[in-house]
Amino acid sequence: MCDGFFYRGKNVAVIGNGEYALHEAGALTEIAASVTILSNGEEKKIDVPENIHFSDKKIRKITGDEKVREIVFEDDSTLSIDGIFVAVGIAGSTALAKKLGVITEGNNIAVDDNMATNIPGLYCAGDCTGGLLQVSKSVYDGAKAGTEMVKFLRNNKK
C-alpha cells in the first residue's frame, strides 16, 4: 500500500469484492481511521473482519473538488471519504505455474533473490510472487528477472 500513508487517520474505501480487496483493506486498517470495502452492487464474496466495514450498495458517483470527498450511492445515501483504493480482481494466479511443476507458497510462486523459480530458466516477477502488491515492486521484480534471464541464457548457450 504505497499511498496508504497519505491517509493516516482518515476514512478510506476499497472498491472490490475479493481476496485482493480484503488484503488491501487489511493493510489500510493499520493506517486509516476507518476502512470500507465497496462491492458496487455485488453480493459479498468474502469474510470481512469486524474492523472493516462493507457495503454492497451500487455507486452512483464520487464527488469532491480537488480531492475525493463523498461517495453517493444509487439509493441516495452517502459515505464521507478521504481516499479510494481500487482492488478489483485477483492479485495473481498460480494455476499455470503449478501445472509446470513450479513450487508455490500459498497463492504465490516461490522465487529466490534473483526471481528464479525451482525450474531452471523460469523466472517470475510481480504480484504472483507475493509481498507488496504494488506497481513499483512489480517493475523492479520484472527488471531483476529480465536481467537474470539474460545471464541464464548467455551461460546456457548450446
N, C-alpha and C. Protein backbone atom coordinates (compact mmCIF):
# COMPACT_ATOMS: atom_id res chain seq x y z
N MET A 1 0.84 -1.17 0.00
CA MET A 1 0.00 0.00 0.00
C MET A 1 0.90 1.24 0.00
N CYS A 2 1.45 1.56 -1.17
CA CYS A 2 2.44 2.64 -1.22
C CYS A 2 1.84 4.01 -0.94
N ASP A 3 0.56 4.24 -1.19
CA ASP A 3 -0.05 5.54 -0.94
C ASP A 3 -0.81 5.60 0.38
N GLY A 4 -0.83 4.52 1.09
CA GLY A 4 -1.60 4.45 2.33
C GLY A 4 -1.24 5.51 3.35
N PHE A 5 0.05 5.84 3.44
CA PHE A 5 0.47 6.80 4.47
C PHE A 5 -0.15 8.18 4.27
N PHE A 6 -0.59 8.51 3.06
CA PHE A 6 -1.25 9.80 2.81
C PHE A 6 -2.59 9.87 3.56
N TYR A 7 -3.10 8.72 3.97
CA TYR A 7 -4.43 8.65 4.56
C TYR A 7 -4.42 8.25 6.03
N ARG A 8 -3.29 8.50 6.70
CA ARG A 8 -3.19 8.21 8.12
C ARG A 8 -4.28 8.98 8.88
N GLY A 9 -5.09 8.23 9.64
CA GLY A 9 -6.14 8.85 10.44
C GLY A 9 -7.35 9.31 9.64
N LYS A 10 -7.43 8.92 8.38
CA LYS A 10 -8.54 9.36 7.53
C LYS A 10 -9.47 8.19 7.20
N ASN A 11 -10.57 8.50 6.55
CA ASN A 11 -11.55 7.49 6.15
C ASN A 11 -11.32 7.12 4.69
N VAL A 12 -11.14 5.82 4.43
CA VAL A 12 -10.86 5.37 3.07
C VAL A 12 -11.82 4.26 2.66
N ALA A 13 -11.92 4.07 1.35
CA ALA A 13 -12.73 2.99 0.79
C ALA A 13 -11.86 2.17 -0.15
N VAL A 14 -12.16 0.88 -0.20
CA VAL A 14 -11.51 -0.02 -1.15
C VAL A 14 -12.62 -0.57 -2.03
N ILE A 15 -12.51 -0.33 -3.34
CA ILE A 15 -13.51 -0.85 -4.27
C ILE A 15 -13.05 -2.22 -4.74
N GLY A 16 -13.87 -3.22 -4.46
CA GLY A 16 -13.54 -4.59 -4.82
C GLY A 16 -14.39 -5.55 -4.01
N ASN A 17 -14.25 -6.85 -4.28
CA ASN A 17 -15.08 -7.81 -3.56
C ASN A 17 -14.44 -9.19 -3.55
N GLY A 18 -13.13 -9.22 -3.43
CA GLY A 18 -12.43 -10.50 -3.41
C GLY A 18 -11.29 -10.46 -2.42
N GLU A 19 -10.47 -11.49 -2.47
CA GLU A 19 -9.33 -11.59 -1.55
C GLU A 19 -8.36 -10.43 -1.71
N TYR A 20 -8.19 -9.96 -2.95
CA TYR A 20 -7.30 -8.82 -3.19
C TYR A 20 -7.81 -7.58 -2.45
N ALA A 21 -9.10 -7.31 -2.55
CA ALA A 21 -9.70 -6.17 -1.84
C ALA A 21 -9.55 -6.34 -0.34
N LEU A 22 -9.77 -7.55 0.15
CA LEU A 22 -9.65 -7.82 1.58
C LEU A 22 -8.21 -7.61 2.06
N HIS A 23 -7.24 -8.04 1.25
CA HIS A 23 -5.82 -7.84 1.57
C HIS A 23 -5.50 -6.35 1.67
N GLU A 24 -5.92 -5.58 0.67
CA GLU A 24 -5.64 -4.15 0.66
C GLU A 24 -6.32 -3.45 1.84
N ALA A 25 -7.58 -3.81 2.10
CA ALA A 25 -8.31 -3.21 3.22
C ALA A 25 -7.62 -3.53 4.54
N GLY A 26 -7.16 -4.77 4.68
CA GLY A 26 -6.46 -5.16 5.90
C GLY A 26 -5.21 -4.34 6.13
N ALA A 27 -4.45 -4.10 5.07
CA ALA A 27 -3.24 -3.27 5.20
C ALA A 27 -3.60 -1.85 5.59
N LEU A 28 -4.69 -1.34 5.07
CA LEU A 28 -5.10 0.04 5.37
C LEU A 28 -5.61 0.21 6.79
N THR A 29 -6.09 -0.85 7.43
CA THR A 29 -6.60 -0.72 8.80
C THR A 29 -5.50 -0.31 9.77
N GLU A 30 -4.26 -0.57 9.41
CA GLU A 30 -3.13 -0.17 10.25
C GLU A 30 -2.85 1.32 10.17
N ILE A 31 -3.41 1.99 9.16
CA ILE A 31 -3.09 3.39 8.88
C ILE A 31 -4.31 4.30 9.03
N ALA A 32 -5.40 3.92 8.39
CA ALA A 32 -6.58 4.78 8.29
C ALA A 32 -7.45 4.71 9.54
N ALA A 33 -8.27 5.75 9.73
CA ALA A 33 -9.22 5.77 10.84
C ALA A 33 -10.33 4.75 10.61
N SER A 34 -10.81 4.67 9.37
CA SER A 34 -11.82 3.66 9.03
C SER A 34 -11.62 3.20 7.59
N VAL A 35 -11.96 1.94 7.36
CA VAL A 35 -11.82 1.33 6.03
C VAL A 35 -13.15 0.67 5.67
N THR A 36 -13.65 0.98 4.48
CA THR A 36 -14.89 0.38 3.99
C THR A 36 -14.64 -0.27 2.64
N ILE A 37 -14.99 -1.54 2.53
CA ILE A 37 -14.93 -2.22 1.23
C ILE A 37 -16.26 -1.98 0.53
N LEU A 38 -16.20 -1.53 -0.72
CA LEU A 38 -17.39 -1.27 -1.52
C LEU A 38 -17.44 -2.26 -2.68
N SER A 39 -18.46 -3.11 -2.70
CA SER A 39 -18.56 -4.11 -3.76
C SER A 39 -19.30 -3.60 -5.00
N ASN A 40 -19.82 -2.39 -4.92
CA ASN A 40 -20.52 -1.75 -6.04
C ASN A 40 -21.66 -2.61 -6.58
N GLY A 41 -22.50 -3.06 -5.67
CA GLY A 41 -23.70 -3.79 -6.07
C GLY A 41 -23.57 -5.30 -6.09
N GLU A 42 -22.37 -5.81 -5.94
CA GLU A 42 -22.19 -7.27 -5.93
C GLU A 42 -22.45 -7.82 -4.53
N GLU A 43 -23.00 -9.03 -4.49
CA GLU A 43 -23.20 -9.73 -3.22
C GLU A 43 -21.83 -10.02 -2.60
N LYS A 44 -21.76 -9.95 -1.27
CA LYS A 44 -20.49 -10.17 -0.57
C LYS A 44 -19.93 -11.56 -0.85
N LYS A 45 -18.63 -11.61 -1.24
CA LYS A 45 -17.96 -12.87 -1.55
C LYS A 45 -16.86 -13.22 -0.55
N ILE A 46 -16.65 -12.35 0.42
CA ILE A 46 -15.52 -12.51 1.35
C ILE A 46 -15.99 -12.40 2.79
N ASP A 47 -15.21 -12.97 3.70
CA ASP A 47 -15.47 -12.82 5.13
C ASP A 47 -14.70 -11.60 5.60
N VAL A 48 -15.44 -10.57 5.96
CA VAL A 48 -14.84 -9.29 6.34
C VAL A 48 -14.74 -9.21 7.86
N PRO A 49 -13.53 -8.93 8.38
CA PRO A 49 -13.39 -8.80 9.84
C PRO A 49 -14.16 -7.59 10.37
N GLU A 50 -14.39 -7.59 11.67
CA GLU A 50 -15.19 -6.54 12.30
C GLU A 50 -14.58 -5.14 12.16
N ASN A 51 -13.26 -5.04 12.00
CA ASN A 51 -12.63 -3.72 11.93
C ASN A 51 -12.70 -3.12 10.52
N ILE A 52 -13.33 -3.82 9.58
CA ILE A 52 -13.51 -3.32 8.22
C ILE A 52 -15.01 -3.29 7.92
N HIS A 53 -15.50 -2.15 7.43
CA HIS A 53 -16.91 -2.02 7.05
C HIS A 53 -17.09 -2.58 5.63
N PHE A 54 -18.31 -2.97 5.31
CA PHE A 54 -18.61 -3.50 3.98
C PHE A 54 -19.94 -2.93 3.50
N SER A 55 -19.99 -2.53 2.24
CA SER A 55 -21.24 -2.08 1.64
C SER A 55 -21.38 -2.71 0.26
N ASP A 56 -22.57 -3.25 -0.01
CA ASP A 56 -22.84 -3.81 -1.33
C ASP A 56 -23.72 -2.86 -2.16
N LYS A 57 -23.84 -1.62 -1.70
CA LYS A 57 -24.64 -0.64 -2.44
C LYS A 57 -23.95 -0.28 -3.76
N LYS A 58 -24.76 0.01 -4.76
CA LYS A 58 -24.25 0.40 -6.08
C LYS A 58 -23.83 1.87 -6.03
N ILE A 59 -22.64 2.16 -6.51
CA ILE A 59 -22.12 3.53 -6.52
C ILE A 59 -22.70 4.30 -7.71
N ARG A 60 -23.25 5.48 -7.43
CA ARG A 60 -23.76 6.34 -8.49
C ARG A 60 -22.66 7.30 -8.94
N LYS A 61 -22.00 7.94 -7.95
CA LYS A 61 -20.94 8.88 -8.32
C LYS A 61 -20.02 9.12 -7.14
N ILE A 62 -18.86 9.66 -7.47
CA ILE A 62 -17.86 10.05 -6.48
C ILE A 62 -17.72 11.55 -6.61
N THR A 63 -17.82 12.27 -5.48
CA THR A 63 -17.79 13.73 -5.54
C THR A 63 -16.59 14.30 -4.79
N GLY A 64 -16.31 15.56 -5.08
CA GLY A 64 -15.22 16.29 -4.46
C GLY A 64 -14.67 17.29 -5.46
N ASP A 65 -13.98 18.30 -4.97
CA ASP A 65 -13.41 19.30 -5.87
C ASP A 65 -12.03 18.84 -6.33
N GLU A 66 -11.01 19.14 -5.56
CA GLU A 66 -9.66 18.69 -5.91
C GLU A 66 -9.33 17.34 -5.29
N LYS A 67 -10.12 16.93 -4.33
CA LYS A 67 -9.93 15.64 -3.66
C LYS A 67 -11.27 14.95 -3.52
N VAL A 68 -11.22 13.64 -3.40
CA VAL A 68 -12.43 12.87 -3.15
C VAL A 68 -13.02 13.28 -1.81
N ARG A 69 -14.33 13.47 -1.76
CA ARG A 69 -14.97 13.84 -0.50
C ARG A 69 -16.12 12.92 -0.13
N GLU A 70 -16.81 12.39 -1.13
CA GLU A 70 -18.02 11.64 -0.82
C GLU A 70 -18.35 10.66 -1.94
N ILE A 71 -18.91 9.54 -1.54
CA ILE A 71 -19.44 8.57 -2.49
C ILE A 71 -20.95 8.62 -2.35
N VAL A 72 -21.63 8.77 -3.47
CA VAL A 72 -23.09 8.79 -3.50
C VAL A 72 -23.56 7.47 -4.11
N PHE A 73 -24.43 6.79 -3.39
CA PHE A 73 -24.94 5.50 -3.84
C PHE A 73 -26.25 5.67 -4.58
N GLU A 74 -26.66 4.63 -5.30
CA GLU A 74 -27.91 4.65 -6.08
C GLU A 74 -29.13 4.97 -5.21
N ASP A 75 -29.11 4.58 -3.93
CA ASP A 75 -30.25 4.84 -3.04
C ASP A 75 -30.19 6.23 -2.41
N ASP A 76 -29.28 7.09 -2.90
CA ASP A 76 -29.06 8.46 -2.44
C ASP A 76 -28.36 8.56 -1.09
N SER A 77 -28.00 7.45 -0.48
CA SER A 77 -27.19 7.52 0.74
C SER A 77 -25.77 7.90 0.34
N THR A 78 -25.00 8.37 1.32
CA THR A 78 -23.64 8.84 1.03
C THR A 78 -22.65 8.27 2.04
N LEU A 79 -21.39 8.31 1.65
CA LEU A 79 -20.29 7.91 2.52
C LEU A 79 -19.21 8.97 2.40
N SER A 80 -18.91 9.65 3.52
CA SER A 80 -17.82 10.63 3.53
C SER A 80 -16.50 9.89 3.49
N ILE A 81 -15.63 10.30 2.60
CA ILE A 81 -14.41 9.55 2.36
C ILE A 81 -13.27 10.50 2.00
N ASP A 82 -12.06 10.12 2.37
CA ASP A 82 -10.88 10.93 2.04
C ASP A 82 -10.03 10.31 0.93
N GLY A 83 -10.21 9.03 0.69
CA GLY A 83 -9.42 8.37 -0.35
C GLY A 83 -10.06 7.07 -0.79
N ILE A 84 -9.77 6.69 -2.04
CA ILE A 84 -10.31 5.45 -2.61
C ILE A 84 -9.17 4.63 -3.19
N PHE A 85 -9.20 3.34 -2.91
CA PHE A 85 -8.24 2.39 -3.47
C PHE A 85 -9.02 1.37 -4.28
N VAL A 86 -8.58 1.10 -5.49
CA VAL A 86 -9.26 0.12 -6.34
C VAL A 86 -8.51 -1.20 -6.26
N ALA A 87 -9.21 -2.25 -5.88
CA ALA A 87 -8.61 -3.59 -5.75
C ALA A 87 -9.59 -4.61 -6.33
N VAL A 88 -9.80 -4.50 -7.62
CA VAL A 88 -10.75 -5.37 -8.31
C VAL A 88 -10.00 -6.54 -8.93
N GLY A 89 -10.59 -7.70 -8.86
CA GLY A 89 -9.98 -8.88 -9.47
C GLY A 89 -9.10 -9.63 -8.50
N ILE A 90 -8.11 -10.31 -9.06
CA ILE A 90 -7.19 -11.09 -8.24
C ILE A 90 -5.79 -10.56 -8.41
N ALA A 91 -4.97 -10.72 -7.39
CA ALA A 91 -3.61 -10.22 -7.43
C ALA A 91 -2.70 -11.10 -8.27
N GLY A 92 -2.97 -12.35 -8.38
CA GLY A 92 -2.13 -13.23 -9.17
C GLY A 92 -2.69 -14.64 -9.17
N SER A 93 -2.28 -15.41 -10.13
CA SER A 93 -2.76 -16.78 -10.23
C SER A 93 -1.59 -17.72 -10.37
N THR A 94 -1.67 -18.86 -9.71
CA THR A 94 -0.58 -19.84 -9.75
C THR A 94 -0.97 -21.11 -10.50
N ALA A 95 -2.14 -21.12 -11.13
CA ALA A 95 -2.62 -22.35 -11.78
C ALA A 95 -1.64 -22.86 -12.84
N LEU A 96 -1.18 -22.00 -13.73
CA LEU A 96 -0.24 -22.42 -14.77
C LEU A 96 1.08 -22.85 -14.15
N ALA A 97 1.56 -22.10 -13.19
CA ALA A 97 2.82 -22.44 -12.53
C ALA A 97 2.76 -23.83 -11.91
N LYS A 98 1.66 -24.14 -11.25
CA LYS A 98 1.50 -25.46 -10.63
C LYS A 98 1.52 -26.57 -11.68
N LYS A 99 0.88 -26.33 -12.83
CA LYS A 99 0.87 -27.32 -13.91
C LYS A 99 2.29 -27.58 -14.43
N LEU A 100 3.14 -26.56 -14.37
CA LEU A 100 4.52 -26.69 -14.84
C LEU A 100 5.44 -27.31 -13.80
N GLY A 101 4.93 -27.50 -12.58
CA GLY A 101 5.74 -28.07 -11.51
C GLY A 101 6.50 -27.05 -10.68
N VAL A 102 6.12 -25.80 -10.80
CA VAL A 102 6.75 -24.73 -10.03
C VAL A 102 6.30 -24.83 -8.58
N ILE A 103 7.23 -24.65 -7.66
CA ILE A 103 6.90 -24.66 -6.24
C ILE A 103 6.15 -23.37 -5.91
N THR A 104 5.04 -23.52 -5.19
CA THR A 104 4.27 -22.37 -4.75
C THR A 104 4.20 -22.35 -3.23
N GLU A 105 3.97 -21.18 -2.71
CA GLU A 105 3.79 -20.98 -1.26
C GLU A 105 2.46 -20.28 -1.09
N GLY A 106 1.43 -21.03 -0.74
CA GLY A 106 0.09 -20.46 -0.68
C GLY A 106 -0.35 -20.10 -2.09
N ASN A 107 -0.74 -18.85 -2.29
CA ASN A 107 -1.15 -18.38 -3.62
C ASN A 107 -0.03 -17.67 -4.36
N ASN A 108 1.20 -17.85 -3.91
CA ASN A 108 2.33 -17.17 -4.52
C ASN A 108 3.31 -18.16 -5.13
N ILE A 109 4.00 -17.73 -6.17
CA ILE A 109 5.05 -18.52 -6.79
C ILE A 109 6.33 -18.29 -6.00
N ALA A 110 6.98 -19.37 -5.59
CA ALA A 110 8.22 -19.27 -4.81
C ALA A 110 9.38 -18.92 -5.74
N VAL A 111 10.09 -17.85 -5.39
CA VAL A 111 11.28 -17.43 -6.14
C VAL A 111 12.41 -17.15 -5.17
N ASP A 112 13.65 -17.20 -5.71
CA ASP A 112 14.80 -16.83 -4.89
C ASP A 112 15.07 -15.33 -5.04
N ASP A 113 16.20 -14.86 -4.52
CA ASP A 113 16.52 -13.43 -4.58
C ASP A 113 16.71 -12.91 -6.00
N ASN A 114 16.94 -13.82 -6.95
CA ASN A 114 17.11 -13.43 -8.35
C ASN A 114 15.84 -13.63 -9.17
N MET A 115 14.73 -13.89 -8.50
CA MET A 115 13.41 -14.09 -9.11
C MET A 115 13.31 -15.42 -9.85
N ALA A 116 14.26 -16.34 -9.61
CA ALA A 116 14.24 -17.66 -10.25
C ALA A 116 13.34 -18.61 -9.48
N THR A 117 12.62 -19.44 -10.23
CA THR A 117 11.80 -20.49 -9.62
C THR A 117 12.66 -21.74 -9.46
N ASN A 118 12.04 -22.81 -9.04
CA ASN A 118 12.76 -24.09 -8.90
C ASN A 118 13.05 -24.74 -10.25
N ILE A 119 12.47 -24.22 -11.33
CA ILE A 119 12.71 -24.76 -12.67
C ILE A 119 13.78 -23.90 -13.35
N PRO A 120 14.92 -24.50 -13.72
CA PRO A 120 16.00 -23.73 -14.34
C PRO A 120 15.51 -22.96 -15.58
N GLY A 121 15.81 -21.66 -15.60
CA GLY A 121 15.44 -20.81 -16.73
C GLY A 121 14.07 -20.18 -16.63
N LEU A 122 13.31 -20.51 -15.60
CA LEU A 122 11.97 -19.95 -15.43
C LEU A 122 11.99 -18.94 -14.28
N TYR A 123 11.67 -17.70 -14.62
CA TYR A 123 11.68 -16.61 -13.65
C TYR A 123 10.28 -16.03 -13.53
N CYS A 124 9.95 -15.50 -12.38
CA CYS A 124 8.64 -14.88 -12.15
C CYS A 124 8.84 -13.54 -11.46
N ALA A 125 7.92 -12.62 -11.71
CA ALA A 125 8.01 -11.29 -11.12
C ALA A 125 6.61 -10.73 -10.92
N GLY A 126 6.50 -9.80 -9.99
CA GLY A 126 5.25 -9.09 -9.79
C GLY A 126 4.38 -9.69 -8.70
N ASP A 127 3.09 -9.42 -8.79
CA ASP A 127 2.15 -9.81 -7.75
C ASP A 127 2.11 -11.31 -7.50
N CYS A 128 2.40 -12.12 -8.52
CA CYS A 128 2.34 -13.58 -8.36
C CYS A 128 3.38 -14.10 -7.39
N THR A 129 4.38 -13.27 -7.05
CA THR A 129 5.42 -13.71 -6.11
C THR A 129 5.14 -13.27 -4.68
N GLY A 130 4.05 -12.54 -4.47
CA GLY A 130 3.67 -12.12 -3.12
C GLY A 130 4.35 -10.83 -2.68
N GLY A 131 4.28 -10.57 -1.39
CA GLY A 131 4.86 -9.34 -0.84
C GLY A 131 3.95 -8.15 -1.11
N LEU A 132 4.55 -6.99 -1.27
CA LEU A 132 3.78 -5.78 -1.55
C LEU A 132 3.15 -5.89 -2.93
N LEU A 133 1.87 -5.67 -3.02
CA LEU A 133 1.17 -5.74 -4.30
C LEU A 133 1.13 -4.34 -4.90
N GLN A 134 2.29 -3.89 -5.35
CA GLN A 134 2.43 -2.53 -5.85
C GLN A 134 3.13 -2.53 -7.21
N VAL A 135 2.75 -1.59 -8.06
CA VAL A 135 3.34 -1.50 -9.39
C VAL A 135 4.85 -1.29 -9.30
N SER A 136 5.29 -0.43 -8.40
CA SER A 136 6.73 -0.15 -8.29
C SER A 136 7.53 -1.40 -7.96
N LYS A 137 7.02 -2.25 -7.10
CA LYS A 137 7.70 -3.50 -6.77
C LYS A 137 7.69 -4.44 -7.97
N SER A 138 6.57 -4.51 -8.67
CA SER A 138 6.46 -5.38 -9.84
C SER A 138 7.44 -4.96 -10.93
N VAL A 139 7.59 -3.66 -11.13
CA VAL A 139 8.54 -3.16 -12.13
C VAL A 139 9.95 -3.55 -11.76
N TYR A 140 10.32 -3.36 -10.50
CA TYR A 140 11.66 -3.75 -10.04
C TYR A 140 11.86 -5.26 -10.21
N ASP A 141 10.89 -6.05 -9.76
CA ASP A 141 10.99 -7.50 -9.90
C ASP A 141 11.16 -7.91 -11.36
N GLY A 142 10.41 -7.27 -12.25
CA GLY A 142 10.49 -7.58 -13.67
C GLY A 142 11.85 -7.26 -14.25
N ALA A 143 12.41 -6.12 -13.85
CA ALA A 143 13.75 -5.75 -14.32
C ALA A 143 14.79 -6.75 -13.82
N LYS A 144 14.68 -7.13 -12.57
CA LYS A 144 15.61 -8.10 -11.98
C LYS A 144 15.48 -9.45 -12.69
N ALA A 145 14.25 -9.92 -12.87
CA ALA A 145 14.02 -11.20 -13.55
C ALA A 145 14.56 -11.17 -14.97
N GLY A 146 14.34 -10.08 -15.69
CA GLY A 146 14.83 -9.95 -17.05
C GLY A 146 16.35 -10.00 -17.13
N THR A 147 17.00 -9.30 -16.22
CA THR A 147 18.47 -9.31 -16.16
C THR A 147 18.99 -10.71 -15.88
N GLU A 148 18.36 -11.39 -14.94
CA GLU A 148 18.79 -12.75 -14.58
C GLU A 148 18.52 -13.75 -15.70
N MET A 149 17.43 -13.55 -16.46
CA MET A 149 17.15 -14.43 -17.60
C MET A 149 18.23 -14.30 -18.66
N VAL A 150 18.64 -13.06 -18.94
CA VAL A 150 19.70 -12.84 -19.93
C VAL A 150 20.97 -13.55 -19.49
N LYS A 151 21.33 -13.42 -18.22
CA LYS A 151 22.52 -14.11 -17.70
C LYS A 151 22.38 -15.62 -17.88
N PHE A 152 21.21 -16.15 -17.55
CA PHE A 152 20.97 -17.59 -17.67
C PHE A 152 21.14 -18.04 -19.12
N LEU A 153 20.54 -17.30 -20.05
CA LEU A 153 20.62 -17.68 -21.47
C LEU A 153 22.05 -17.61 -21.99
N ARG A 154 22.79 -16.58 -21.59
CA ARG A 154 24.19 -16.46 -22.03
C ARG A 154 25.05 -17.60 -21.50
N ASN A 155 24.77 -18.02 -20.29
CA ASN A 155 25.56 -19.09 -19.67
C ASN A 155 25.12 -20.49 -20.09
N ASN A 156 24.01 -20.60 -20.78
CA ASN A 156 23.49 -21.91 -21.17
C ASN A 156 23.28 -22.03 -22.67
N LYS A 157 24.14 -21.37 -23.45
CA LYS A 157 24.07 -21.50 -24.91
C LYS A 157 24.47 -22.90 -25.31
N LYS A 158 23.88 -23.39 -26.38
CA LYS A 158 24.23 -24.73 -26.87
C LYS A 158 25.09 -24.64 -28.08
